[in-house]
C-alpha atoms as a PDB file:
ATOM      1  CA  THR A   1     -11.269  -0.534  -0.288  1.00  0.00           C
ATOM      2  CA  GLN A   2     -10.627  -2.073   3.014  1.00  0.00           C
ATOM      3  CA  THR A   3      -7.023  -2.997   3.725  1.00  0.00           C
ATOM      4  CA  ASP A   4      -4.465  -4.026   6.546  1.00  0.00           C
ATOM      5  CA  VAL A   5      -2.066  -1.170   6.707  1.00  0.00           C
ATOM      6  CA  ASN A   6       0.314  -3.464   8.805  1.00  0.00           C
ATOM      7  CA  SER A   7       0.681  -5.626   5.650  1.00  0.00           C
ATOM      8  CA  PHE A   8       2.592  -4.047   2.728  1.00  0.00           C
ATOM      9  CA  GLU A   9       1.076  -6.440   0.397  1.00  0.00           C
ATOM     10  CA  SER A  10      -2.506  -5.613   1.444  1.00  0.00           C
ATOM     11  CA  LEU A  11      -1.687  -1.923   1.332  1.00  0.00           C
ATOM     12  CA  SER A  12      -0.044  -2.389  -2.109  1.00  0.00           C
ATOM     13  CA  SER A  13      -2.885  -4.191  -3.382  1.00  0.00           C
ATOM     14  CA  ALA A  14      -5.504  -1.626  -2.297  1.00  0.00           C
ATOM     15  CA  PHE A  15      -3.547   1.083  -4.051  1.00  0.00           C
ATOM     16  CA  ASP A  16      -3.273  -1.048  -7.319  1.00  0.00           C
ATOM     17  CA  ASN A  17      -7.020  -1.949  -7.279  1.00  0.00           C
ATOM     18  CA  ILE A  18      -7.965   1.549  -6.925  1.00  0.00           C
ATOM     19  CA  PHE A  19      -5.624   2.931  -9.639  1.00  0.00           C
ATOM     20  CA  LYS A  20      -6.702   0.221 -12.072  1.00  0.00           C
ATOM     21  CA  ALA A  21     -10.352   0.897 -11.493  1.00  0.00           C
ATOM     22  CA  GLU A  22     -10.223   4.639 -11.613  1.00  0.00           C
ATOM     23  CA  GLY A  23      -7.241   5.233 -13.810  1.00  0.00           C
ATOM     24  CA  ARG A  24      -5.984   7.943 -11.470  1.00  0.00           C
ATOM     25  CA  LEU A  25      -5.026   8.698  -7.874  1.00  0.00           C
ATOM     26  CA  ASP A  26      -5.765  12.235  -6.649  1.00  0.00           C
ATOM     27  CA  VAL A  27      -5.579  12.056  -2.832  1.00  0.00           C
ATOM     28  CA  VAL A  28      -4.031   9.707  -0.346  1.00  0.00           C
ATOM     29  CA  PHE A  29      -4.835  10.138   3.306  1.00  0.00           C
ATOM     30  CA  ALA A  30      -2.509   8.474   5.667  1.00  0.00           C
ATOM     31  CA  ASN A  31      -3.955   8.546   9.121  1.00  0.00           C
ATOM     32  CA  ALA A  32      -2.249   6.766  12.187  1.00  0.00           C
ATOM     33  CA  GLY A  33      -3.078   6.720  15.735  1.00  0.00           C
ATOM     34  CA  ILE A  34      -3.115   3.372  17.590  1.00  0.00           C
ATOM     35  CA  LEU A  35      -1.786   3.202  21.107  1.00  0.00           C
ATOM     36  CA  GLN A  36       0.022   0.019  22.277  1.00  0.00           C
ATOM     37  CA  THR A  37      -0.578  -0.588  25.969  1.00  0.00           C
ATOM     38  CA  ASP A  38       2.049  -3.191  26.717  1.00  0.00           C
ATOM     39  CA  ASN A  39       4.428  -2.151  29.515  1.00  0.00           C
ATOM     40  CA  PHE A  40       7.991  -2.234  28.043  1.00  0.00           C
ATOM     41  CA  TYR A  41       9.531  -2.172  31.378  1.00  0.00           C
ATOM     42  CA  GLU A  42       7.628  -5.075  32.955  1.00  0.00           C
ATOM     43  CA  LYS A  43       9.740  -8.011  34.038  1.00  0.00           C
ATOM     44  CA  ALA A  44       9.320 -10.888  31.797  1.00  0.00           C
ATOM     45  CA  SER A  45       8.024 -14.077  33.219  1.00  0.00           C
ATOM     46  CA  SER A  46      10.566 -16.298  31.562  1.00  0.00           C
ATOM     47  CA  LEU A  47      14.031 -16.093  29.795  1.00  0.00           C
ATOM     48  CA  PRO A  48      14.754 -15.661  26.959  1.00  0.00           C
ATOM     49  CA  PRO A  49      11.799 -13.000  27.124  1.00  0.00           C
ATOM     50  CA  PRO A  50       9.274 -12.877  24.356  1.00  0.00           C
ATOM     51  CA  GLU A  51       9.685 -10.458  21.566  1.00  0.00           C
ATOM     52  CA  PRO A  52       8.147  -7.253  22.506  1.00  0.00           C
ATOM     53  CA  ARG A  53       5.152  -6.136  20.644  1.00  0.00           C
ATOM     54  CA  GLN A  54       5.725  -2.991  18.494  1.00  0.00           C
ATOM     55  CA  LEU A  55       2.497  -2.512  16.896  1.00  0.00           C
ATOM     56  CA  SER A  56       2.506   1.328  17.601  1.00  0.00           C
ATOM     57  CA  ILE A  57       5.817   1.505  15.645  1.00  0.00           C
ATOM     58  CA  ASP A  58       4.360  -0.818  12.908  1.00  0.00           C
ATOM     59  CA  ILE A  59       1.154   1.247  12.571  1.00  0.00           C
ATOM     60  CA  ASN A  60       2.040   4.774  13.518  1.00  0.00           C
ATOM     61  CA  LEU A  61       5.395   4.871  11.714  1.00  0.00           C
ATOM     62  CA  LYS A  62       6.075   2.037   9.134  1.00  0.00           C
ATOM     63  CA  ALA A  63       2.470   1.942   7.817  1.00  0.00           C
ATOM     64  CA  VAL A  64       2.522   5.850   7.234  1.00  0.00           C
ATOM     65  CA  ILE A  65       6.051   5.501   5.479  1.00  0.00           C
ATOM     66  CA  ASN A  66       4.621   2.590   3.299  1.00  0.00           C
ATOM     67  CA  THR A  67       1.603   4.607   2.469  1.00  0.00           C
ATOM     68  CA  SER A  68       3.665   7.539   1.485  1.00  0.00           C
ATOM     69  CA  TYR A  69       5.913   5.588  -0.617  1.00  0.00           C
ATOM     70  CA  LEU A  70       3.125   3.858  -2.374  1.00  0.00           C
ATOM     71  CA  ALA A  71       1.370   7.202  -2.989  1.00  0.00           C
ATOM     72  CA  ARG A  72       4.492   8.575  -4.572  1.00  0.00           C
ATOM     73  CA  GLN A  73       4.820   5.687  -6.869  1.00  0.00           C
ATOM     74  CA  TYR A  74       1.238   5.808  -8.010  1.00  0.00           C
ATOM     75  CA  PHE A  75       1.323   9.801  -8.309  1.00  0.00           C
ATOM     76  CA  LEU A  76       4.158   9.529 -10.614  1.00  0.00           C
ATOM     77  CA  ALA A  77       2.787   6.276 -12.668  1.00  0.00           C
ATOM     78  CA  PRO A  78       2.461   6.568 -16.378  1.00  0.00           C
ATOM     79  CA  GLY A  79      -1.109   7.147 -17.226  1.00  0.00           C
ATOM     80  CA  ASN A  80      -2.084   8.683 -13.927  1.00  0.00           C
ATOM     81  CA  LEU A  81      -4.782  11.291 -14.993  1.00  0.00           C
ATOM     82  CA  SER A  82      -4.539  13.251 -11.848  1.00  0.00           C
ATOM     83  CA  GLN A  83      -3.099  16.815 -12.326  1.00  0.00           C
ATOM     84  CA  ARG A  84      -2.163  17.768  -8.761  1.00  0.00           C
ATOM     85  CA  PRO A  85      -2.050  14.749  -6.502  1.00  0.00           C
ATOM     86  CA  VAL A  86      -2.182  15.288  -2.726  1.00  0.00           C
ATOM     87  CA  LEU A  87      -0.766  13.327   0.081  1.00  0.00           C
ATOM     88  CA  ILE A  88      -2.019  14.205   3.538  1.00  0.00           C
ATOM     89  CA  MET A  89      -0.574  12.459   6.665  1.00  0.00           C
ATOM     90  CA  THR A  90      -1.972  12.956  10.191  1.00  0.00           C
ATOM     91  CA  ALA A  91      -1.536  11.162  13.571  1.00  0.00           C
ATOM     92  CA  SER A  92      -3.975  10.886  16.491  1.00  0.00           C
ATOM     93  CA  ILE A  93      -3.013  11.876  19.939  1.00  0.00           C
ATOM     94  CA  ALA A  94      -3.606   8.324  20.933  1.00  0.00           C
ATOM     95  CA  SER A  95      -0.193   7.522  19.456  1.00  0.00           C
ATOM     96  CA  PHE A  96       1.445   9.803  22.006  1.00  0.00           C
ATOM     97  CA  VAL A  97      -0.621   9.678  25.217  1.00  0.00           C
ATOM     98  CA  ARG A  98      -1.435   6.685  27.360  1.00  0.00           C
ATOM     99  CA  THR A  99      -4.911   6.848  28.873  1.00  0.00           C
ATOM    100  CA  PRO A 100      -4.904   5.379  32.292  1.00  0.00           C
ATOM    101  CA  ASP A 101      -8.299   3.459  31.960  1.00  0.00           C
ATOM    102  CA  ILE A 102      -7.067   1.470  29.181  1.00  0.00           C
ATOM    103  CA  LYS A 103      -5.824  -2.120  30.258  1.00  0.00           C
ATOM    104  CA  GLY A 104      -2.776  -3.554  28.503  1.00  0.00           C
END
């Protein structure tokens, strides 16, 4: 199931659709690793400055937390046939290292 992990509604819907279709949830793999290339220290061209983009926080942190939260809810749901559900969380090095050739 394709989903937008930056949208709790989309993420929740994916969990619900899979759980209803399969009657169980055995493994959830939360993988994050997007690099935000905006320069936080760059002078804004106007005041008040625009809201800073925080996509790396939204994807690399919040989406993983939401995925973990939803996984737990479905792992503990009445009727989940899984005996030993597993949650795996990983992060890509891209979320920590800025590559010089990427334009922001």
